[in-house]
PDB file of all heavy atoms in Angstrom:
ATOM      1  N   TRP A   1      30.979 265.120 166.761  1.00  0.00           N
ATOM      2  CA  TRP A   1      29.861 264.862 165.844  1.00  0.00           C
ATOM      3  C   TRP A   1      28.626 264.593 166.705  1.00  0.00           C
ATOM      4  O   TRP A   1      28.718 263.938 167.750  1.00  0.00           O
ATOM      5  CB  TRP A   1      30.138 263.632 164.988  1.00  0.00           C
ATOM      6  CG  TRP A   1      31.393 263.713 164.163  1.00  0.00           C
ATOM      7  CD1 TRP A   1      31.500 264.035 162.841  1.00  0.00           C
ATOM      8  CD2 TRP A   1      32.740 263.436 164.595  1.00  0.00           C
ATOM      9  NE1 TRP A   1      32.799 263.985 162.425  1.00  0.00           N
ATOM     10  CE2 TRP A   1      33.592 263.635 163.479  1.00  0.00           C
ATOM     11  CE3 TRP A   1      33.304 263.067 165.813  1.00  0.00           C
ATOM     12  CZ2 TRP A   1      34.969 263.456 163.553  1.00  0.00           C
ATOM     13  CZ3 TRP A   1      34.679 262.897 165.885  1.00  0.00           C
ATOM     14  CH2 TRP A   1      35.495 263.084 164.759  1.00  0.00           C
ATOM     15  N   TRP A   2      27.460 265.069 166.277  1.00  0.00           N
ATOM     16  CA  TRP A   2      26.235 264.942 167.055  1.00  0.00           C
ATOM     17  C   TRP A   2      25.099 264.476 166.163  1.00  0.00           C
ATOM     18  O   TRP A   2      25.103 264.669 164.938  1.00  0.00           O
ATOM     19  CB  TRP A   2      25.890 266.293 167.713  1.00  0.00           C
ATOM     20  CG  TRP A   2      26.958 266.706 168.662  1.00  0.00           C
ATOM     21  CD1 TRP A   2      27.034 266.421 169.991  1.00  0.00           C
ATOM     22  CD2 TRP A   2      28.162 267.420 168.349  1.00  0.00           C
ATOM     23  NE1 TRP A   2      28.195 266.924 170.524  1.00  0.00           N
ATOM     24  CE2 TRP A   2      28.918 267.539 169.537  1.00  0.00           C
ATOM     25  CE3 TRP A   2      28.671 267.985 167.169  1.00  0.00           C
ATOM     26  CZ2 TRP A   2      30.142 268.188 169.592  1.00  0.00           C
ATOM     27  CZ3 TRP A   2      29.900 268.624 167.219  1.00  0.00           C
ATOM     28  CH2 TRP A   2      30.621 268.721 168.426  1.00  0.00           C
ATOM     29  N   ARG A   3      24.092 263.872 166.806  1.00  0.00           N
ATOM     30  CA  ARG A   3      22.983 263.308 166.033  1.00  0.00           C
ATOM     31  C   ARG A   3      22.175 264.362 165.303  1.00  0.00           C
ATOM     32  O   ARG A   3      21.527 264.071 164.294  1.00  0.00           O
ATOM     33  CB  ARG A   3      22.079 262.488 166.962  1.00  0.00           C
ATOM     34  CG  ARG A   3      22.746 261.241 167.497  1.00  0.00           C
ATOM     35  CD  ARG A   3      21.776 260.334 168.231  1.00  0.00           C
ATOM     36  NE  ARG A   3      22.466 259.159 168.757  1.00  0.00           N
ATOM     37  CZ  ARG A   3      22.939 259.043 169.983  1.00  0.00           C
ATOM     38  NH1 ARG A   3      22.795 260.053 170.834  1.00  0.00           N
ATOM     39  NH2 ARG A   3      23.550 257.947 170.379  1.00  0.00           N
ATOM     40  N   ASP A   4      22.174 265.593 165.801  1.00  0.00           N
ATOM     41  CA  ASP A   4      21.402 266.629 165.125  1.00  0.00           C
ATOM     42  C   ASP A   4      22.233 267.436 164.132  1.00  0.00           C
ATOM     43  O   ASP A   4      21.775 268.446 163.608  1.00  0.00           O
ATOM     44  CB  ASP A   4      20.726 267.559 166.132  1.00  0.00           C
ATOM     45  CG  ASP A   4      21.717 268.301 167.027  1.00  0.00           C
ATOM     46  OD1 ASP A   4      22.926 267.987 166.943  1.00  0.00           O
ATOM     47  OD2 ASP A   4      21.282 269.174 167.784  1.00  0.00           O
ATOM     48  N   THR A   5      23.486 266.980 163.871  1.00  0.00           N
ATOM     49  CA  THR A   5      24.302 267.634 162.853  1.00  0.00           C
ATOM     50  C   THR A   5      23.730 267.308 161.488  1.00  0.00           C
ATOM     51  O   THR A   5      23.577 266.140 161.146  1.00  0.00           O
ATOM     52  CB  THR A   5      25.766 267.169 162.941  1.00  0.00           C
ATOM     53  OG1 THR A   5      26.237 267.370 164.274  1.00  0.00           O
ATOM     54  CG2 THR A   5      26.634 267.947 161.981  1.00  0.00           C
ATOM     55  N   ARG A   6      23.425 268.315 160.693  1.00  0.00           N
ATOM     56  CA  ARG A   6      22.796 268.077 159.399  1.00  0.00           C
ATOM     57  C   ARG A   6      23.797 267.969 158.262  1.00  0.00           C
ATOM     58  O   ARG A   6      23.519 267.348 157.243  1.00  0.00           O
ATOM     59  CB  ARG A   6      21.791 269.196 159.092  1.00  0.00           C
ATOM     60  CG  ARG A   6      20.648 269.251 160.090  1.00  0.00           C
ATOM     61  CD  ARG A   6      19.559 270.220 159.656  1.00  0.00           C
ATOM     62  NE  ARG A   6      18.519 270.317 160.670  1.00  0.00           N
ATOM     63  CZ  ARG A   6      17.412 271.043 160.541  1.00  0.00           C
ATOM     64  NH1 ARG A   6      17.220 271.764 159.452  1.00  0.00           N
ATOM     65  NH2 ARG A   6      16.512 271.077 161.499  1.00  0.00           N
ATOM     66  N   PHE A   7      24.954 268.613 158.413  1.00  0.00           N
ATOM     67  CA  PHE A   7      25.931 268.636 157.328  1.00  0.00           C
ATOM     68  C   PHE A   7      27.266 268.105 157.838  1.00  0.00           C
ATOM     69  O   PHE A   7      28.288 268.784 157.772  1.00  0.00           O
ATOM     70  CB  PHE A   7      26.060 270.061 156.773  1.00  0.00           C
ATOM     71  CG  PHE A   7      24.763 270.620 156.265  1.00  0.00           C
ATOM     72  CD1 PHE A   7      24.003 271.463 157.060  1.00  0.00           C
ATOM     73  CD2 PHE A   7      24.282 270.275 155.019  1.00  0.00           C
ATOM     74  CE1 PHE A   7      22.794 271.970 156.615  1.00  0.00           C
ATOM     75  CE2 PHE A   7      23.068 270.767 154.552  1.00  0.00           C
ATOM     76  CZ  PHE A   7      22.327 271.622 155.354  1.00  0.00           C
ATOM     77  N   ALA A   8      27.237 266.884 158.342  1.00  0.00           N
ATOM     78  CA  ALA A   8      28.434 266.291 158.941  1.00  0.00           C
ATOM     79  C   ALA A   8      29.329 265.678 157.870  1.00  0.00           C
ATOM     80  O   ALA A   8      28.873 265.234 156.816  1.00  0.00           O
ATOM     81  CB  ALA A   8      28.029 265.230 159.950  1.00  0.00           C
ATOM     82  N   THR A   9      30.623 265.640 158.161  1.00  0.00           N
ATOM     83  CA  THR A   9      31.614 264.920 157.367  1.00  0.00           C
ATOM     84  C   THR A   9      32.511 264.168 158.343  1.00  0.00           C
ATOM     85  O   THR A   9      32.292 264.199 159.556  1.00  0.00           O
ATOM     86  CB  THR A   9      32.460 265.888 156.520  1.00  0.00           C
ATOM     87  OG1 THR A   9      33.294 266.663 157.388  1.00  0.00           O
ATOM     88  CG2 THR A   9      31.578 266.823 155.686  1.00  0.00           C
ATOM     89  N   ALA A  10      33.543 263.520 157.826  1.00  0.00           N
ATOM     90  CA  ALA A  10      34.479 262.827 158.716  1.00  0.00           C
ATOM     91  C   ALA A  10      35.290 263.795 159.562  1.00  0.00           C
ATOM     92  O   ALA A  10      35.855 263.409 160.587  1.00  0.00           O
ATOM     93  CB  ALA A  10      35.408 261.941 157.899  1.00  0.00           C
ATOM     94  N   THR A  11      35.353 265.061 159.155  1.00  0.00           N
ATOM     95  CA  THR A  11      36.084 266.076 159.910  1.00  0.00           C
ATOM     96  C   THR A  11      35.197 266.626 161.029  1.00  0.00           C
ATOM     97  O   THR A  11      34.043 266.968 160.786  1.00  0.00           O
ATOM     98  CB  THR A  11      36.510 267.225 158.976  1.00  0.00           C
ATOM     99  OG1 THR A  11      37.355 266.699 157.953  1.00  0.00           O
ATOM    100  CG2 THR A  11      37.261 268.303 159.738  1.00  0.00           C
ATOM    101  N   PRO A  12      35.696 266.730 162.259  1.00  0.00           N
ATOM    102  CA  PRO A  12      34.847 267.200 163.359  1.00  0.00           C
ATOM    103  C   PRO A  12      34.498 268.680 163.227  1.00  0.00           C
ATOM    104  O   PRO A  12      35.182 269.450 162.550  1.00  0.00           O
ATOM    105  CB  PRO A  12      35.710 266.965 164.606  1.00  0.00           C
ATOM    106  CG  PRO A  12      37.122 267.026 164.095  1.00  0.00           C
ATOM    107  CD  PRO A  12      37.074 266.422 162.719  1.00  0.00           C
ATOM    108  N   LYS A  13      33.408 269.062 163.890  1.00  0.00           N
ATOM    109  CA  LYS A  13      33.029 270.462 164.051  1.00  0.00           C
ATOM    110  C   LYS A  13      33.128 270.827 165.530  1.00  0.00           C
ATOM    111  O   LYS A  13      33.284 269.948 166.384  1.00  0.00           O
ATOM    112  CB  LYS A  13      31.601 270.701 163.544  1.00  0.00           C
ATOM    113  CG  LYS A  13      31.416 270.422 162.067  1.00  0.00           C
ATOM    114  CD  LYS A  13      30.030 270.842 161.575  1.00  0.00           C
ATOM    115  CE  LYS A  13      29.881 270.572 160.088  1.00  0.00           C
ATOM    116  NZ  LYS A  13      28.622 271.120 159.536  1.00  0.00           N
ATOM    117  N   PHE A  14      33.003 272.125 165.812  1.00  0.00           N
ATOM    118  CA  PHE A  14      33.093 272.601 167.190  1.00  0.00           C
ATOM    119  C   PHE A  14      31.786 273.274 167.570  1.00  0.00           C
ATOM    120  O   PHE A  14      31.231 274.059 166.785  1.00  0.00           O
ATOM    121  CB  PHE A  14      34.239 273.616 167.336  1.00  0.00           C
ATOM    122  CG  PHE A  14      34.440 274.115 168.745  1.00  0.00           C
ATOM    123  CD1 PHE A  14      35.286 273.465 169.615  1.00  0.00           C
ATOM    124  CD2 PHE A  14      33.764 275.243 169.195  1.00  0.00           C
ATOM    125  CE1 PHE A  14      35.463 273.932 170.919  1.00  0.00           C
ATOM    126  CE2 PHE A  14      33.930 275.711 170.490  1.00  0.00           C
ATOM    127  CZ  PHE A  14      34.779 275.052 171.353  1.00  0.00           C
ATOM    128  N   ILE A  15      31.272 272.952 168.766  1.00  0.00           N
ATOM    129  CA  ILE A  15      30.114 273.647 169.318  1.00  0.00           C
ATOM    130  C   ILE A  15      30.455 274.154 170.713  1.00  0.00           C
ATOM    131  O   ILE A  15      31.356 273.648 171.374  1.00  0.00           O
ATOM    132  CB  ILE A  15      28.857 272.760 169.360  1.00  0.00           C
ATOM    133  CG1 ILE A  15      29.066 271.567 170.292  1.00  0.00           C
ATOM    134  CG2 ILE A  15      28.451 272.308 167.968  1.00  0.00           C
ATOM    135  CD1 ILE A  15      27.803 270.768 170.553  1.00  0.00           C
ATOM    136  N   MET A  16      29.688 275.185 171.163  1.00  0.00           N
ATOM    137  CA  MET A  16      29.974 275.805 172.459  1.00  0.00           C
ATOM    138  C   MET A  16      29.373 275.027 173.630  1.00  0.00           C
ATOM    139  O   MET A  16      29.982 274.928 174.689  1.00  0.00           O
ATOM    140  CB  MET A  16      29.492 277.250 172.457  1.00  0.00           C
ATOM    141  CG  MET A  16      30.319 278.135 171.531  1.00  0.00           C
ATOM    142  SD  MET A  16      29.738 279.846 171.387  1.00  0.00           S
ATOM    143  CE  MET A  16      30.078 280.482 173.043  1.00  0.00           C
ATOM    144  N   GLY A  17      28.166 274.518 173.496  1.00  0.00           N
ATOM    145  CA  GLY A  17      27.635 273.595 174.494  1.00  0.00           C
ATOM    146  C   GLY A  17      27.332 274.173 175.855  1.00  0.00           C
ATOM    147  O   GLY A  17      27.699 273.579 176.874  1.00  0.00           O
ATOM    148  N   GLY A  18      26.669 275.341 175.926  1.00  0.00           N
ATOM    149  CA  GLY A  18      26.198 275.841 177.210  1.00  0.00           C
ATOM    150  C   GLY A  18      24.900 275.159 177.604  1.00  0.00           C
ATOM    151  O   GLY A  18      23.976 275.049 176.794  1.00  0.00           O
ATOM    152  N   VAL A  19      24.819 274.671 178.838  1.00  0.00           N
ATOM    153  CA  VAL A  19      23.645 273.911 179.302  1.00  0.00           C
ATOM    154  C   VAL A  19      22.962 274.682 180.420  1.00  0.00           C
ATOM    155  O   VAL A  19      23.553 274.909 181.486  1.00  0.00           O
ATOM    156  CB  VAL A  19      24.061 272.505 179.782  1.00  0.00           C
ATOM    157  CG1 VAL A  19      22.846 271.765 180.341  1.00  0.00           C
ATOM    158  CG2 VAL A  19      24.693 271.714 178.645  1.00  0.00           C
ATOM    159  N   ASP A  20      21.727 275.083 180.162  1.00  0.00           N
ATOM    160  CA  ASP A  20      20.897 275.707 181.190  1.00  0.00           C
ATOM    161  C   ASP A  20      20.454 274.640 182.184  1.00  0.00           C
ATOM    162  O   ASP A  20      20.674 273.440 181.975  1.00  0.00           O
ATOM    163  CB  ASP A  20      19.696 276.384 180.508  1.00  0.00           C
ATOM    164  CG  ASP A  20      18.799 277.119 181.486  1.00  0.00           C
ATOM    165  OD1 ASP A  20      19.307 277.555 182.533  1.00  0.00           O
ATOM    166  OD2 ASP A  20      17.597 277.255 181.204  1.00  0.00           O
ATOM    167  N   LEU A  21      19.806 275.068 183.249  1.00  0.00           N
ATOM    168  CA  LEU A  21      19.486 274.178 184.361  1.00  0.00           C
ATOM    169  C   LEU A  21      18.846 272.877 183.885  1.00  0.00           C
ATOM    170  O   LEU A  21      17.776 272.866 183.281  1.00  0.00           O
ATOM    171  CB  LEU A  21      18.556 274.896 185.348  1.00  0.00           C
ATOM    172  CG  LEU A  21      18.298 274.146 186.652  1.00  0.00           C
ATOM    173  CD1 LEU A  21      19.564 274.070 187.498  1.00  0.00           C
ATOM    174  CD2 LEU A  21      17.179 274.806 187.434  1.00  0.00           C
ATOM    175  N   ASN A  22      19.550 271.762 184.145  1.00  0.00           N
ATOM    176  CA  ASN A  22      19.040 270.416 183.896  1.00  0.00           C
ATOM    177  C   ASN A  22      18.583 270.205 182.451  1.00  0.00           C
ATOM    178  O   ASN A  22      17.605 269.519 182.195  1.00  0.00           O
ATOM    179  CB  ASN A  22      17.899 270.090 184.863  1.00  0.00           C
ATOM    180  CG  ASN A  22      18.338 270.187 186.300  1.00  0.00           C
ATOM    181  OD1 ASN A  22      19.499 269.932 186.627  1.00  0.00           O
ATOM    182  ND2 ASN A  22      17.439 270.614 187.179  1.00  0.00           N
ATOM    183  N   PHE A  23      19.309 270.829 181.516  1.00  0.00           N
ATOM    184  CA  PHE A  23      19.090 270.647 180.083  1.00  0.00           C
ATOM    185  C   PHE A  23      17.740 271.182 179.607  1.00  0.00           C
ATOM    186  O   PHE A  23      17.233 270.751 178.573  1.00  0.00           O
ATOM    187  CB  PHE A  23      19.229 269.166 179.686  1.00  0.00           C
ATOM    188  CG  PHE A  23      20.627 268.639 179.842  1.00  0.00           C
ATOM    189  CD1 PHE A  23      21.029 268.028 181.022  1.00  0.00           C
ATOM    190  CD2 PHE A  23      21.547 268.760 178.819  1.00  0.00           C
ATOM    191  CE1 PHE A  23      22.323 267.542 181.170  1.00  0.00           C
ATOM    192  CE2 PHE A  23      22.845 268.281 178.956  1.00  0.00           C
ATOM    193  CZ  PHE A  23      23.233 267.670 180.140  1.00  0.00           C
ATOM    194  N   ARG A  24      17.175 272.150 180.331  1.00  0.00           N
ATOM    195  CA  ARG A  24      15.952 272.774 179.832  1.00  0.00           C
ATOM    196  C   ARG A  24      16.222 273.459 178.497  1.00  0.00           C
ATOM    197  O   ARG A  24      15.378 273.470 177.608  1.00  0.00           O
ATOM    198  CB  ARG A  24      15.433 273.810 180.829  1.00  0.00           C
ATOM    199  CG  ARG A  24      14.958 273.247 182.149  1.00  0.00           C
ATOM    200  CD  ARG A  24      14.369 274.372 182.986  1.00  0.00           C
ATOM    201  NE  ARG A  24      13.879 273.895 184.270  1.00  0.00           N
ATOM    202  CZ  ARG A  24      13.034 274.580 185.036  1.00  0.00           C
ATOM    203  NH1 ARG A  24      12.613 275.774 184.632  1.00  0.00           N
ATOM    204  NH2 ARG A  24      12.633 274.099 186.181  1.00  0.00           N
ATOM    205  N   ARG A  25      17.389 274.069 178.411  1.00  0.00           N
ATOM    206  CA  ARG A  25      17.814 274.743 177.191  1.00  0.00           C
ATOM    207  C   ARG A  25      19.306 274.458 177.023  1.00  0.00           C
ATOM    208  O   ARG A  25      19.996 274.191 177.998  1.00  0.00           O
ATOM    209  CB  ARG A  25      17.618 276.272 177.282  1.00  0.00           C
ATOM    210  CG  ARG A  25      16.247 276.719 177.713  1.00  0.00           C
ATOM    211  CD  ARG A  25      16.238 278.223 178.022  1.00  0.00           C
ATOM    212  NE  ARG A  25      14.944 278.673 178.530  1.00  0.00           N
ATOM    213  CZ  ARG A  25      14.590 278.669 179.811  1.00  0.00           C
ATOM    214  NH1 ARG A  25      15.462 278.234 180.727  1.00  0.00           N
ATOM    215  NH2 ARG A  25      13.400 279.092 180.199  1.00  0.00           N
ATOM    216  N   TRP A  26      19.758 274.528 175.777  1.00  0.00           N
ATOM    217  CA  TRP A  26      21.196 274.570 175.559  1.00  0.00           C
ATOM    218  C   TRP A  26      21.497 275.464 174.379  1.00  0.00           C
ATOM    219  O   TRP A  26      20.661 275.697 173.510  1.00  0.00           O
ATOM    220  CB  TRP A  26      21.816 273.185 175.386  1.00  0.00           C
ATOM    221  CG  TRP A  26      21.287 272.342 174.273  1.00  0.00           C
ATOM    222  CD1 TRP A  26      21.488 272.491 172.930  1.00  0.00           C
ATOM    223  CD2 TRP A  26      20.489 271.158 174.428  1.00  0.00           C
ATOM    224  NE1 TRP A  26      20.885 271.493 172.226  1.00  0.00           N
ATOM    225  CE2 TRP A  26      20.258 270.655 173.119  1.00  0.00           C
ATOM    226  CE3 TRP A  26      19.957 270.465 175.522  1.00  0.00           C
ATOM    227  CZ2 TRP A  26      19.519 269.491 172.894  1.00  0.00           C
ATOM    228  CZ3 TRP A  26      19.220 269.320 175.275  1.00  0.00           C
ATOM    229  CH2 TRP A  26      19.000 268.847 173.982  1.00  0.00           C
ATOM    230  N   ALA A  27      22.714 276.011 174.395  1.00  0.00           N
ATOM    231  CA  ALA A  27      23.148 276.958 173.372  1.00  0.00           C
ATOM    232  C   ALA A  27      24.475 276.476 172.804  1.00  0.00           C
ATOM    233  O   ALA A  27      25.440 276.300 173.548  1.00  0.00           O
ATOM    234  CB  ALA A  27      23.309 278.356 173.966  1.00  0.00           C
ATOM    235  N   ASN A  28      24.499 276.246 171.485  1.00  0.00           N
ATOM    236  CA  ASN A  28      25.687 275.696 170.835  1.00  0.00           C
ATOM    237  C   ASN A  28      26.491 276.730 170.057  1.00  0.00           C
ATOM    238  O   ASN A  28      27.578 276.434 169.576  1.00  0.00           O
ATOM    239  CB  ASN A  28      25.296 274.551 169.903  1.00  0.00           C
ATOM    240  CG  ASN A  28      24.838 273.331 170.668  1.00  0.00           C
ATOM    241  OD1 ASN A  28      25.198 273.147 171.826  1.00  0.00           O
ATOM    242  ND2 ASN A  28      24.033 272.493 170.043  1.00  0.00           N
ATOM    243  N   GLY A  29      25.950 277.935 169.912  1.00  0.00           N
ATOM    244  CA  GLY A  29      26.622 278.992 169.174  1.00  0.00           C
ATOM    245  C   GLY A  29      25.597 280.041 168.790  1.00  0.00           C
ATOM    246  O   GLY A  29      24.398 279.893 169.086  1.00  0.00           O
ATOM    247  N   PRO A  30      26.010 281.124 168.131  1.00  0.00           N
ATOM    248  CA  PRO A  30      25.030 282.133 167.704  1.00  0.00           C
ATOM    249  C   PRO A  30      23.951 281.513 166.811  1.00  0.00           C
ATOM    250  O   PRO A  30      24.252 280.908 165.783  1.00  0.00           O
ATOM    251  CB  PRO A  30      25.901 283.130 166.919  1.00  0.00           C
ATOM    252  CG  PRO A  30      27.276 282.959 167.481  1.00  0.00           C
ATOM    253  CD  PRO A  30      27.398 281.502 167.801  1.00  0.00           C
ATOM    254  N   GLY A  31      22.703 281.647 167.234  1.00  0.00           N
ATOM    255  CA  GLY A  31      21.597 281.103 166.457  1.00  0.00           C
ATOM    256  C   GLY A  31      21.435 279.607 166.533  1.00  0.00           C
ATOM    257  O   GLY A  31      20.653 279.032 165.772  1.00  0.00           O
TER     258      GLY A  31
END
């Protein structure tokens, strides 16, 4: 669960979590 999750429930979700150099960008999934 993450602070920017907008439609959270008690059930967890899955994100991909690719981190570009020093968190300049990150990619959690398509779009």
